Amino acid sequence: MLLPERAQAQAPVPADDEFDQPGWDDHMSQPEALRATDPAELTVTIATQGDGQAVADLGALALSKGTTPHVPFASLAEAIDNHGGRLRLPYGHGHCLTARIGTNVVGMLYAVPPIRWLEAQPATQRTHLTQALIEIELLAVSEPHRNHGAGTALLRAAEQFARRAGTQLALAKIEAGAFPTMRWYRRRGYTIAAQGEPVLFRTRFGFNSCDDGSDGYQLAVKTLQPSATVRRRAKGADSCLVVEQATQPAASEVSMTPPGLPAPSADIHAATETTSSSQGREP
């Protein structure tokens, strides 16, 4: 299964939409804020009506280095201005978080269910799989406010509230070869998949997988549930990342092994890639 290209932000659909599932706003009310390293200045909240242009400007900044935007920023800005930071999608909701110093928006994060991955699933399962994965689609901090914890605070807030909603995995697509960005995510608990390397995980419907879509990106993967770990299994030139439950019996672990790949051993740990000693820089 391919992880989709970045899902396009859409205006909310009617309230009787059959995919109206519990979302982050069941766990994070509008006034609630997660404070970053300097609680006197920086707060992270769901975007509010009127934040659209600031969010769009930061989103464009995140994709300014020769990348063709997948997110229609004008539509995203309009949707946020009209409806706030929780946006109804064909399956589930997209959520836009903002980092603020005072009233100024200095950072943003936009997270969505992987729409095209969901569309590849059986129709009867899609509503139940909506919160299996969350994709960090955009994460940006304005230049003057980088390296002060805003990006980390946004990421932690997104993970925290996705975890409360029952989401299993957080994913981010990183441009291949963007080593500073990879280090930044790795230092925050993510495992970096090789290009084309699949990520295997269980859902309530059984075994499933996703990958980077072979579009010049790599996946950063982090489990959001404390009982799970991400492990790499390899045999020869083939490898995959597998999300495993700590309480899962050995026989069940072996049954998860895809054809041609070995079962995990005790000396395989999450985030097994060789890491650089360089500090990850704030987005």
C-alpha atoms as a PDB file:
ATOM      1  CA  MET A   1       0.000   0.000   0.000  1.00  0.00           C
ATOM      2  CA  LEU A   2       1.297   3.456  -0.830  1.00  0.00           C
ATOM      3  CA  LEU A   3       1.189   6.355   1.508  1.00  0.00           C
ATOM      4  CA  PRO A   4      -0.703   8.990  -0.477  1.00  0.00           C
ATOM      5  CA  GLU A   5       0.657  12.198  -1.835  1.00  0.00           C
ATOM      6  CA  ARG A   6      -0.080  15.026   0.518  1.00  0.00           C
ATOM      7  CA  ALA A   7      -3.831  15.259   0.945  1.00  0.00           C
ATOM      8  CA  GLN A   8      -5.472  18.456  -0.195  1.00  0.00           C
ATOM      9  CA  ALA A   9      -7.218  20.569   2.423  1.00  0.00           C
ATOM     10  CA  GLN A  10     -10.949  20.732   1.843  1.00  0.00           C
ATOM     11  CA  ALA A  11     -13.752  22.871   3.146  1.00  0.00           C
ATOM     12  CA  PRO A  12     -15.991  21.097   5.673  1.00  0.00           C
ATOM     13  CA  VAL A  13     -18.733  18.870   4.307  1.00  0.00           C
ATOM     14  CA  PRO A  14     -22.282  18.744   5.732  1.00  0.00           C
ATOM     15  CA  ALA A  15     -22.653  17.773   9.356  1.00  0.00           C
ATOM     16  CA  ASP A  16     -24.472  14.559   8.484  1.00  0.00           C
ATOM     17  CA  ASP A  17     -21.356  13.233   6.738  1.00  0.00           C
ATOM     18  CA  GLU A  18     -21.147   9.489   7.384  1.00  0.00           C
ATOM     19  CA  PHE A  19     -17.461   9.864   8.278  1.00  0.00           C
ATOM     20  CA  ASP A  20     -18.066  12.188  11.212  1.00  0.00           C
ATOM     21  CA  GLN A  21     -15.736  10.524  13.699  1.00  0.00           C
ATOM     22  CA  PRO A  22     -14.460  11.719  17.083  1.00  0.00           C
ATOM     23  CA  GLY A  23     -11.561  14.059  16.484  1.00  0.00           C
ATOM     24  CA  TRP A  24      -8.955  16.007  18.329  1.00  0.00           C
ATOM     25  CA  ASP A  25     -11.482  18.580  19.479  1.00  0.00           C
ATOM     26  CA  ASP A  26     -12.952  15.835  21.667  1.00  0.00           C
ATOM     27  CA  HIS A  27      -9.604  15.922  23.486  1.00  0.00           C
ATOM     28  CA  MET A  28      -8.420  19.510  22.936  1.00  0.00           C
ATOM     29  CA  SER A  29     -10.873  22.360  23.370  1.00  0.00           C
ATOM     30  CA  GLN A  30     -10.278  25.705  21.685  1.00  0.00           C
ATOM     31  CA  PRO A  31      -9.069  27.524  24.823  1.00  0.00           C
ATOM     32  CA  GLU A  32      -6.731  24.705  25.819  1.00  0.00           C
ATOM     33  CA  ALA A  33      -3.069  25.339  25.051  1.00  0.00           C
ATOM     34  CA  LEU A  34       0.136  23.367  25.319  1.00  0.00           C
ATOM     35  CA  ARG A  35       2.970  25.589  26.461  1.00  0.00           C
ATOM     36  CA  ALA A  36       6.452  25.200  25.043  1.00  0.00           C
ATOM     37  CA  THR A  37       9.845  25.788  26.638  1.00  0.00           C
ATOM     38  CA  ASP A  38       9.078  29.398  27.560  1.00  0.00           C
ATOM     39  CA  PRO A  39       5.552  29.355  29.049  1.00  0.00           C
ATOM     40  CA  ALA A  40       5.600  33.113  29.420  1.00  0.00           C
ATOM     41  CA  GLU A  41       5.696  33.546  25.649  1.00  0.00           C
ATOM     42  CA  LEU A  42       4.955  30.534  23.468  1.00  0.00           C
ATOM     43  CA  THR A  43       1.643  28.663  23.311  1.00  0.00           C
ATOM     44  CA  VAL A  44       0.349  25.995  20.928  1.00  0.00           C
ATOM     45  CA  THR A  45      -3.366  25.826  20.140  1.00  0.00           C
ATOM     46  CA  ILE A  46      -5.759  24.720  17.426  1.00  0.00           C
ATOM     47  CA  ALA A  47      -5.897  27.465  14.761  1.00  0.00           C
ATOM     48  CA  THR A  48      -8.799  29.845  15.124  1.00  0.00           C
ATOM     49  CA  GLN A  49     -10.897  31.752  12.626  1.00  0.00           C
ATOM     50  CA  GLY A  50      -8.805  34.559  11.202  1.00  0.00           C
ATOM     51  CA  ASP A  51      -5.522  32.615  11.264  1.00  0.00           C
ATOM     52  CA  GLY A  52      -5.821  31.556   7.620  1.00  0.00           C
ATOM     53  CA  GLN A  53      -3.388  33.951   5.973  1.00  0.00           C
ATOM     54  CA  ALA A  54      -0.695  33.526   8.620  1.00  0.00           C
ATOM     55  CA  VAL A  55      -0.983  29.746   8.308  1.00  0.00           C
ATOM     56  CA  ALA A  56      -0.871  29.891   4.513  1.00  0.00           C
ATOM     57  CA  ASP A  57       2.225  32.116   4.550  1.00  0.00           C
ATOM     58  CA  LEU A  58       4.054  29.711   6.849  1.00  0.00           C
ATOM     59  CA  GLY A  59       2.923  26.709   4.828  1.00  0.00           C
ATOM     60  CA  ALA A  60       4.292  28.290   1.664  1.00  0.00           C
ATOM     61  CA  LEU A  61       7.569  28.918   3.492  1.00  0.00           C
ATOM     62  CA  ALA A  62       7.800  25.208   4.328  1.00  0.00           C
ATOM     63  CA  LEU A  63       7.542  24.317   0.651  1.00  0.00           C
ATOM     64  CA  SER A  64       9.533  27.202  -0.803  1.00  0.00           C
ATOM     65  CA  LYS A  65      12.683  25.283  -1.772  1.00  0.00           C
ATOM     66  CA  GLY A  66      11.721  24.188  -5.248  1.00  0.00           C
ATOM     67  CA  THR A  67       8.875  21.945  -4.117  1.00  0.00           C
ATOM     68  CA  THR A  68       5.526  22.027  -5.861  1.00  0.00           C
ATOM     69  CA  PRO A  69       2.902  22.537  -3.142  1.00  0.00           C
ATOM     70  CA  HIS A  70       0.387  19.719  -2.736  1.00  0.00           C
ATOM     71  CA  VAL A  71      -1.748  21.787  -0.365  1.00  0.00           C
ATOM     72  CA  PRO A  72      -3.841  24.564  -1.991  1.00  0.00           C
ATOM     73  CA  PHE A  73      -2.946  27.336   0.435  1.00  0.00           C
ATOM     74  CA  ALA A  74      -5.725  29.685  -0.657  1.00  0.00           C
ATOM     75  CA  SER A  75      -8.295  26.973   0.083  1.00  0.00           C
ATOM     76  CA  LEU A  76      -6.620  26.126   3.382  1.00  0.00           C
ATOM     77  CA  ALA A  77      -6.567  29.777   4.433  1.00  0.00           C
ATOM     78  CA  GLU A  78     -10.214  30.246   3.515  1.00  0.00           C
ATOM     79  CA  ALA A  79     -11.256  27.081   5.348  1.00  0.00           C
ATOM     80  CA  ILE A  80      -9.417  28.125   8.518  1.00  0.00           C
ATOM     81  CA  ASP A  81     -10.815  31.654   8.368  1.00  0.00           C
ATOM     82  CA  ASN A  82     -14.316  30.259   8.055  1.00  0.00           C
ATOM     83  CA  HIS A  83     -14.176  27.211  10.295  1.00  0.00           C
ATOM     84  CA  GLY A  84     -11.054  27.290  12.469  1.00  0.00           C
ATOM     85  CA  GLY A  85      -8.349  24.656  12.633  1.00  0.00           C
ATOM     86  CA  ARG A  86     -10.428  21.483  12.506  1.00  0.00           C
ATOM     87  CA  LEU A  87     -11.305  20.784   8.864  1.00  0.00           C
ATOM     88  CA  ARG A  88     -13.609  18.020   7.691  1.00  0.00           C
ATOM     89  CA  LEU A  89     -12.059  15.738   5.067  1.00  0.00           C
ATOM     90  CA  PRO A  90     -13.547  12.816   3.132  1.00  0.00           C
ATOM     91  CA  TYR A  91     -12.379  10.616   6.001  1.00  0.00           C
ATOM     92  CA  GLY A  92     -11.889  12.159   9.403  1.00  0.00           C
ATOM     93  CA  HIS A  93     -10.477  15.637   9.880  1.00  0.00           C
ATOM     94  CA  GLY A  94      -7.381  17.656   9.192  1.00  0.00           C
ATOM     95  CA  HIS A  95      -6.053  19.647  12.134  1.00  0.00           C
ATOM     96  CA  CYS A  96      -4.033  22.831  11.994  1.00  0.00           C
ATOM     97  CA  LEU A  97      -2.092  23.835  15.109  1.00  0.00           C
ATOM     98  CA  THR A  98      -0.479  27.220  15.596  1.00  0.00           C
ATOM     99  CA  ALA A  99       2.424  28.333  17.775  1.00  0.00           C
ATOM    100  CA  ARG A 100       1.984  31.878  19.063  1.00  0.00           C
ATOM    101  CA  ILE A 101       4.008  34.473  20.836  1.00  0.00           C
ATOM    102  CA  GLY A 102       1.424  36.847  22.158  1.00  0.00           C
ATOM    103  CA  THR A 103      -1.077  37.264  19.322  1.00  0.00           C
ATOM    104  CA  ASN A 104       1.468  36.566  16.553  1.00  0.00           C
ATOM    105  CA  VAL A 105       1.428  33.214  14.772  1.00  0.00           C
ATOM    106  CA  VAL A 106       5.087  32.128  14.522  1.00  0.00           C
ATOM    107  CA  GLY A 107       4.636  28.466  13.602  1.00  0.00           C
ATOM    108  CA  MET A 108       2.120  26.019  12.192  1.00  0.00           C
ATOM    109  CA  LEU A 109       1.568  22.295  11.829  1.00  0.00           C
ATOM    110  CA  TYR A 110      -1.044  20.675   9.605  1.00  0.00           C
ATOM    111  CA  ALA A 111      -1.816  16.993  10.217  1.00  0.00           C
ATOM    112  CA  VAL A 112      -4.229  14.796   8.269  1.00  0.00           C
ATOM    113  CA  PRO A 113      -5.311  11.177   7.978  1.00  0.00           C
ATOM    114  CA  PRO A 114      -3.610   9.692   4.877  1.00  0.00           C
ATOM    115  CA  ILE A 115      -6.589  10.084   2.548  1.00  0.00           C
ATOM    116  CA  ARG A 116      -5.300   8.133  -0.442  1.00  0.00           C
ATOM    117  CA  TRP A 117      -4.112   5.301   1.769  1.00  0.00           C
ATOM    118  CA  LEU A 118      -7.620   5.184   3.226  1.00  0.00           C
ATOM    119  CA  GLU A 119      -9.168   5.212  -0.237  1.00  0.00           C
ATOM    120  CA  ALA A 120      -7.127   2.100  -1.065  1.00  0.00           C
ATOM    121  CA  GLN A 121      -8.699   0.236   1.864  1.00  0.00           C
ATOM    122  CA  PRO A 122     -11.990  -1.676   1.638  1.00  0.00           C
ATOM    123  CA  ALA A 123     -14.897   0.766   1.830  1.00  0.00           C
ATOM    124  CA  THR A 124     -16.350  -0.972   4.873  1.00  0.00           C
ATOM    125  CA  GLN A 125     -13.129  -0.409   6.843  1.00  0.00           C
ATOM    126  CA  ARG A 126     -12.298   3.202   6.056  1.00  0.00           C
ATOM    127  CA  THR A 127     -14.227   4.892   8.847  1.00  0.00           C
ATOM    128  CA  HIS A 128     -12.570   2.627  11.428  1.00  0.00           C
ATOM    129  CA  LEU A 129      -9.089   3.156   9.976  1.00  0.00           C
ATOM    130  CA  THR A 130      -9.342   6.953   9.908  1.00  0.00           C
ATOM    131  CA  GLN A 131      -7.384   7.353  13.120  1.00  0.00           C
ATOM    132  CA  ALA A 132      -4.945   4.483  12.577  1.00  0.00           C
ATOM    133  CA  LEU A 133      -2.347   6.844  11.054  1.00  0.00           C
ATOM    134  CA  ILE A 134      -1.702  10.575  11.127  1.00  0.00           C
ATOM    135  CA  GLU A 135       0.521  12.339   8.607  1.00  0.00           C
ATOM    136  CA  ILE A 136       2.403  15.497   9.564  1.00  0.00           C
ATOM    137  CA  GLU A 137       1.861  17.212   6.252  1.00  0.00           C
ATOM    138  CA  LEU A 138       3.249  20.664   6.988  1.00  0.00           C
ATOM    139  CA  LEU A 139       5.441  21.944   9.810  1.00  0.00           C
ATOM    140  CA  ALA A 140       6.935  25.421   9.621  1.00  0.00           C
ATOM    141  CA  VAL A 141       8.339  28.062  11.965  1.00  0.00           C
ATOM    142  CA  SER A 142       9.132  31.614  10.904  1.00  0.00           C
ATOM    143  CA  GLU A 143      12.832  32.385  10.513  1.00  0.00           C
ATOM    144  CA  PRO A 144      13.257  34.691  13.542  1.00  0.00           C
ATOM    145  CA  HIS A 145      11.712  32.122  15.887  1.00  0.00           C
ATOM    146  CA  ARG A 146      13.548  28.951  14.861  1.00  0.00           C
ATOM    147  CA  ASN A 147      15.731  26.958  17.252  1.00  0.00           C
ATOM    148  CA  HIS A 148      13.680  28.072  20.250  1.00  0.00           C
ATOM    149  CA  GLY A 149      11.384  25.059  20.663  1.00  0.00           C
ATOM    150  CA  ALA A 150       8.366  26.105  18.586  1.00  0.00           C
ATOM    151  CA  GLY A 151       8.647  23.226  16.101  1.00  0.00           C
ATOM    152  CA  THR A 152       9.151  20.697  18.880  1.00  0.00           C
ATOM    153  CA  ALA A 153       6.157  22.077  20.788  1.00  0.00           C
ATOM    154  CA  LEU A 154       3.952  21.831  17.679  1.00  0.00           C
ATOM    155  CA  LEU A 155       5.038  18.253  16.995  1.00  0.00           C
ATOM    156  CA  ARG A 156       4.536  17.172  20.598  1.00  0.00           C
ATOM    157  CA  ALA A 157       1.083  18.745  20.699  1.00  0.00           C
ATOM    158  CA  ALA A 158       0.044  16.965  17.496  1.00  0.00           C
ATOM    159  CA  GLU A 159       1.347  13.640  18.834  1.00  0.00           C
ATOM    160  CA  GLN A 160      -0.281  14.139  22.215  1.00  0.00           C
ATOM    161  CA  PHE A 161      -3.765  14.733  20.936  1.00  0.00           C
ATOM    162  CA  ALA A 162      -3.542  12.126  18.168  1.00  0.00           C
ATOM    163  CA  ARG A 163      -2.486   9.638  20.845  1.00  0.00           C
ATOM    164  CA  ARG A 164      -5.501  10.537  22.961  1.00  0.00           C
ATOM    165  CA  ALA A 165      -7.711   9.933  19.936  1.00  0.00           C
ATOM    166  CA  GLY A 166      -6.293   6.402  19.610  1.00  0.00           C
ATOM    167  CA  THR A 167      -3.950   6.961  16.657  1.00  0.00           C
ATOM    168  CA  GLN A 168      -1.248   4.307  16.331  1.00  0.00           C
ATOM    169  CA  LEU A 169       1.393   5.917  14.124  1.00  0.00           C
ATOM    170  CA  ALA A 170       2.634   9.372  13.221  1.00  0.00           C
ATOM    171  CA  LEU A 171       4.235   9.719   9.792  1.00  0.00           C
ATOM    172  CA  ALA A 172       6.105  12.535   8.097  1.00  0.00           C
ATOM    173  CA  LYS A 173       7.377  12.593   4.509  1.00  0.00           C
ATOM    174  CA  ILE A 174      10.888  14.010   4.262  1.00  0.00           C
ATOM    175  CA  GLU A 175      12.590  14.900   1.021  1.00  0.00           C
ATOM    176  CA  ALA A 176      15.215  12.270   0.218  1.00  0.00           C
ATOM    177  CA  GLY A 177      18.643  13.483   1.247  1.00  0.00           C
ATOM    178  CA  ALA A 178      17.332  16.196   3.607  1.00  0.00           C
ATOM    179  CA  PHE A 179      19.648  15.009   6.374  1.00  0.00           C
ATOM    180  CA  PRO A 180      19.178  17.938   8.801  1.00  0.00           C
ATOM    181  CA  THR A 181      15.404  17.337   8.725  1.00  0.00           C
ATOM    182  CA  MET A 182      15.937  13.607   9.193  1.00  0.00           C
ATOM    183  CA  ARG A 183      18.171  14.260  12.197  1.00  0.00           C
ATOM    184  CA  TRP A 184      15.577  16.629  13.622  1.00  0.00           C
ATOM    185  CA  TYR A 185      12.847  13.971  13.478  1.00  0.00           C
ATOM    186  CA  ARG A 186      15.178  11.202  14.634  1.00  0.00           C
ATOM    187  CA  ARG A 187      16.086  13.175  17.751  1.00  0.00           C
ATOM    188  CA  ARG A 188      12.368  13.379  18.518  1.00  0.00           C
ATOM    189  CA  GLY A 189      11.857   9.639  18.482  1.00  0.00           C
ATOM    190  CA  TYR A 190      11.186   8.933  14.800  1.00  0.00           C
ATOM    191  CA  THR A 191      12.673   6.113  12.765  1.00  0.00           C
ATOM    192  CA  ILE A 192      13.663   7.050   9.210  1.00  0.00           C
ATOM    193  CA  ALA A 193      12.672   4.520   6.563  1.00  0.00           C
ATOM    194  CA  ALA A 194      14.853   4.037   3.529  1.00  0.00           C
ATOM    195  CA  GLN A 195      13.363   5.087   0.208  1.00  0.00           C
ATOM    196  CA  GLY A 196      10.713   2.549  -0.740  1.00  0.00           C
ATOM    197  CA  GLU A 197      11.022   0.699   2.562  1.00  0.00           C
ATOM    198  CA  PRO A 198       7.555  -0.419   3.713  1.00  0.00           C
ATOM    199  CA  VAL A 199       6.121   0.160   7.171  1.00  0.00           C
ATOM    200  CA  LEU A 200       4.113  -2.811   8.461  1.00  0.00           C
ATOM    201  CA  PHE A 201       1.553  -2.584  11.245  1.00  0.00           C
ATOM    202  CA  ARG A 202      -1.570  -4.238  12.557  1.00  0.00           C
ATOM    203  CA  THR A 203      -5.040  -2.734  12.611  1.00  0.00           C
ATOM    204  CA  ARG A 204      -8.298  -4.129  13.944  1.00  0.00           C
ATOM    205  CA  PHE A 205      -8.732  -5.710  10.513  1.00  0.00           C
ATOM    206  CA  GLY A 206      -5.349  -7.406  10.410  1.00  0.00           C
ATOM    207  CA  PHE A 207      -1.997  -6.740   8.800  1.00  0.00           C
ATOM    208  CA  ASN A 208      -1.486  -3.573   6.696  1.00  0.00           C
ATOM    209  CA  SER A 209       1.346  -1.460   5.289  1.00  0.00           C
ATOM    210  CA  CYS A 210       2.310   1.836   3.729  1.00  0.00           C
ATOM    211  CA  ASP A 211       5.421   3.350   2.156  1.00  0.00           C
ATOM    212  CA  ASP A 212       6.668   6.666   0.793  1.00  0.00           C
ATOM    213  CA  GLY A 213       5.010   6.298  -2.603  1.00  0.00           C
ATOM    214  CA  SER A 214       8.316   6.310  -4.513  1.00  0.00           C
ATOM    215  CA  ASP A 215       8.026  10.046  -5.133  1.00  0.00           C
ATOM    216  CA  GLY A 216      11.394  11.292  -3.896  1.00  0.00           C
ATOM    217  CA  TYR A 217      10.552  11.264  -0.194  1.00  0.00           C
ATOM    218  CA  GLN A 218      11.307   9.070   2.813  1.00  0.00           C
ATOM    219  CA  LEU A 219       9.066   8.304   5.752  1.00  0.00           C
ATOM    220  CA  ALA A 220       9.760   9.276   9.335  1.00  0.00           C
ATOM    221  CA  VAL A 221       7.749   6.929  11.571  1.00  0.00           C
ATOM    222  CA  LYS A 222       6.895   7.048  15.270  1.00  0.00           C
ATOM    223  CA  THR A 223       4.541   4.866  17.268  1.00  0.00           C
ATOM    224  CA  LEU A 224       2.201   6.855  19.506  1.00  0.00           C
ATOM    225  CA  GLN A 225       1.201   4.008  21.800  1.00  0.00           C
ATOM    226  CA  PRO A 226       3.523   3.234  24.735  1.00  0.00           C
ATOM    227  CA  SER A 227       3.201  -0.544  24.351  1.00  0.00           C
ATOM    228  CA  ALA A 228       4.526  -0.529  20.768  1.00  0.00           C
ATOM    229  CA  THR A 229       7.956  -0.184  19.190  1.00  0.00           C
ATOM    230  CA  VAL A 230       9.241   0.264  15.650  1.00  0.00           C
ATOM    231  CA  ARG A 231      11.803  -2.355  14.616  1.00  0.00           C
ATOM    232  CA  ARG A 232      13.680  -2.928  11.401  1.00  0.00           C
ATOM    233  CA  ARG A 233      13.814  -6.427   9.951  1.00  0.00           C
ATOM    234  CA  ALA A 234      16.280  -7.162   7.180  1.00  0.00           C
ATOM    235  CA  LYS A 235      17.353 -10.066   5.053  1.00  0.00           C
ATOM    236  CA  GLY A 236      19.928  -9.417   2.395  1.00  0.00           C
ATOM    237  CA  ALA A 237      18.961  -6.330   0.451  1.00  0.00           C
ATOM    238  CA  ASP A 238      15.341  -6.419   1.671  1.00  0.00           C
ATOM    239  CA  SER A 239      14.132  -4.685   4.795  1.00  0.00           C
ATOM    240  CA  CYS A 240      11.012  -3.255   6.349  1.00  0.00           C
ATOM    241  CA  LEU A 241       9.940  -1.406   9.472  1.00  0.00           C
ATOM    242  CA  VAL A 242       7.510  -3.295  11.684  1.00  0.00           C
ATOM    243  CA  VAL A 243       5.383  -1.892  14.485  1.00  0.00           C
ATOM    244  CA  GLU A 244       5.291  -4.495  17.245  1.00  0.00           C
ATOM    245  CA  GLN A 245       3.403  -4.652  20.506  1.00  0.00           C
ATOM    246  CA  ALA A 246       5.540  -5.270  23.582  1.00  0.00           C
ATOM    247  CA  THR A 247       3.029  -7.809  24.907  1.00  0.00           C
ATOM    248  CA  GLN A 248       2.741  -9.654  21.607  1.00  0.00           C
ATOM    249  CA  PRO A 249       3.723 -13.352  21.948  1.00  0.00           C
ATOM    250  CA  ALA A 250       6.648 -14.604  19.935  1.00  0.00           C
ATOM    251  CA  ALA A 251       4.513 -16.880  17.752  1.00  0.00           C
ATOM    252  CA  SER A 252       2.352 -13.947  16.756  1.00  0.00           C
ATOM    253  CA  GLU A 253       5.450 -11.885  15.993  1.00  0.00           C
ATOM    254  CA  VAL A 254       6.689 -14.549  13.628  1.00  0.00           C
ATOM    255  CA  SER A 255       3.307 -14.593  11.894  1.00  0.00           C
ATOM    256  CA  MET A 256       3.725 -10.898  11.122  1.00  0.00           C
ATOM    257  CA  THR A 257       6.895 -11.508   9.163  1.00  0.00           C
ATOM    258  CA  PRO A 258       6.389 -10.802   5.450  1.00  0.00           C
ATOM    259  CA  PRO A 259       7.629 -13.478   3.021  1.00  0.00           C
ATOM    260  CA  GLY A 260      11.414 -13.414   2.681  1.00  0.00           C
ATOM    261  CA  LEU A 261      12.064 -11.363   5.836  1.00  0.00           C
ATOM    262  CA  PRO A 262      13.277 -12.751   9.157  1.00  0.00           C
ATOM    263  CA  ALA A 263      11.459 -12.642  12.459  1.00  0.00           C
ATOM    264  CA  PRO A 264      12.737 -10.000  14.908  1.00  0.00           C
ATOM    265  CA  SER A 265      15.509 -10.780  17.341  1.00  0.00           C
ATOM    266  CA  ALA A 266      16.175  -9.330  20.764  1.00  0.00           C
ATOM    267  CA  ASP A 267      19.083  -7.205  19.557  1.00  0.00           C
ATOM    268  CA  ILE A 268      17.029  -5.279  16.996  1.00  0.00           C
ATOM    269  CA  HIS A 269      15.865  -1.949  18.361  1.00  0.00           C
ATOM    270  CA  ALA A 270      13.851   0.981  17.123  1.00  0.00           C
ATOM    271  CA  ALA A 271      15.673   3.693  15.187  1.00  0.00           C
ATOM    272  CA  THR A 272      18.546   1.474  14.140  1.00  0.00           C
ATOM    273  CA  GLU A 273      19.854   3.824  11.461  1.00  0.00           C
ATOM    274  CA  THR A 274      23.301   5.357  11.858  1.00  0.00           C
ATOM    275  CA  THR A 275      22.750   8.820  13.290  1.00  0.00           C
ATOM    276  CA  SER A 276      24.903  11.880  13.014  1.00  0.00           C
ATOM    277  CA  SER A 277      26.208  13.667  16.057  1.00  0.00           C
ATOM    278  CA  SER A 278      25.043  16.941  14.524  1.00  0.00           C
ATOM    279  CA  GLN A 279      22.185  18.667  16.249  1.00  0.00           C
ATOM    280  CA  GLY A 280      18.832  18.585  14.469  1.00  0.00           C
ATOM    281  CA  ARG A 281      17.770  22.111  13.596  1.00  0.00           C
ATOM    282  CA  GLU A 282      14.339  23.470  14.350  1.00  0.00           C
ATOM    283  CA  PRO A 283      12.125  23.593  11.254  1.00  0.00           C
END
